[in-house]
Amino acid sequence: MRIAYDVTPTCHRHRSGVARYAVDLAESLVAAGVQVEPWCRLSRWRKRGWCHRPGGAAIRWYQEGLWPWRCGAEVVHGTDVRVPGWGPCARVATIHDVFHCLPMAVGWSSPAFAARARVHYAQSAARAHLLVAVSEATRQDVIAHLGVDPARIVAVPHGIDGRFAPQPPAAVAAARSALGLPEGYLLYVGAIAIRKNLPALVRAYAASTLRGRLPLVLAGGASDASAAVAEAVRACALGDWVRVVDFVPDAHLPGLYAGAAAVCLPSLYEGFGLPVLEAMACGAPVFTSDRGALAEVAGGHAVTADPDSVEAMAAALPRALDLSAEARARARDHARTFTWARCAQGHLAAYRRAIELRG
């Protein structure tokens, strides 16, 4: 099968969950014998050095609405909502979330950005022969908010890389040394963004029995919640007990997870939630939200709480540290069922279904 595959989301120095999905899925498709042709929007030309090239293939460039009108592939896959309207390809678009359709999202980004996002959702819902949602929770959100026929959308969960596994002491020590961390800490990994609910996490930590015992480390790039996090730290008089560090190099991420006393992801909304599984695979206990895709991905193997309740989160945080060795082992086994090879097979089935729907 020949796939025109959009690598535009990979053109970043620090790759988010969407970019990592696009990279790891592409390589798994190549490993499965699929001919993956990488295409990238011309607007990313200046970032071309960061674009991923599946199997070392050369990047092909396109300008939506101008060229090319057709590319010769059987399927074109838009890996982050947007999909070119090329004919006669079967068109598949991945929907990672429909955050900007939700009432909670109002005011969390500029009105112009949110409006563009909603336009892209609607265009892909109309243009794609088949939509891929990254979780069943996201699939249900797409059906509810975009009015998509349930027969035209399938849920295919992400995988996690095999490097996420229990780590030797040397790897944990190297990660701690690189970031200047002590032995034992609470960890969040991801952007310092509003929907990640980090100011509430800071307040929950301050109200918990873990305050002053283990530092809270927020590892990720500055974003729209950075000022609110700093204010929460100041208001709770936490000082150096809350550490904000920049993006973690990929080489140190497994060791960072493995060295954590617990990993926290209390988001108000996620389309999937890779850190939950990555942390579990590394043997760390996880605390996360009790709603949507996060609860689905955790599969009953994490301590959960209502992310709108600081009190509930403050009570739940210490419980994560009390998870038994047997519970952590079950969580590792659960996480290991999420593989990129399995994800690739799910996408191959989606591509075949899209060809059938195209007719």
Foldseek 3Di string as FASTA:
>chain_A
DEEAEEQAQQLDPFHDPLNVQSQLLLQLLVVVVYHYAYEYEPVSVVSVVRGDDHVNHDYHYDHAPPDDQADPGQEYEASDLATHLHPPHQYEYEHLALLLLDPVCVPQDDPVVSVVSVVSNQVSLVRHLAYEFQAVLRLVVSCVRNVHDSVRYDHFHAADDPVLAADDPVLLVVLCVVFVHDQEAEEEEEELGVQQLQLLVLLLCLVAPCQPPHAYEYEEHYDDCPVVNVVSCVVSVRPRSYHYHYHRPPSNVSSNLLRYLEYERAGPDGSADVVLLSSLRNLHAYEYACDGRVVVLQVPLHQYFHSVDSNRSSVRVVVSSVDDSVSSVVSSVSNNVRHSNSSNVVVVVSSVVSSVSSD
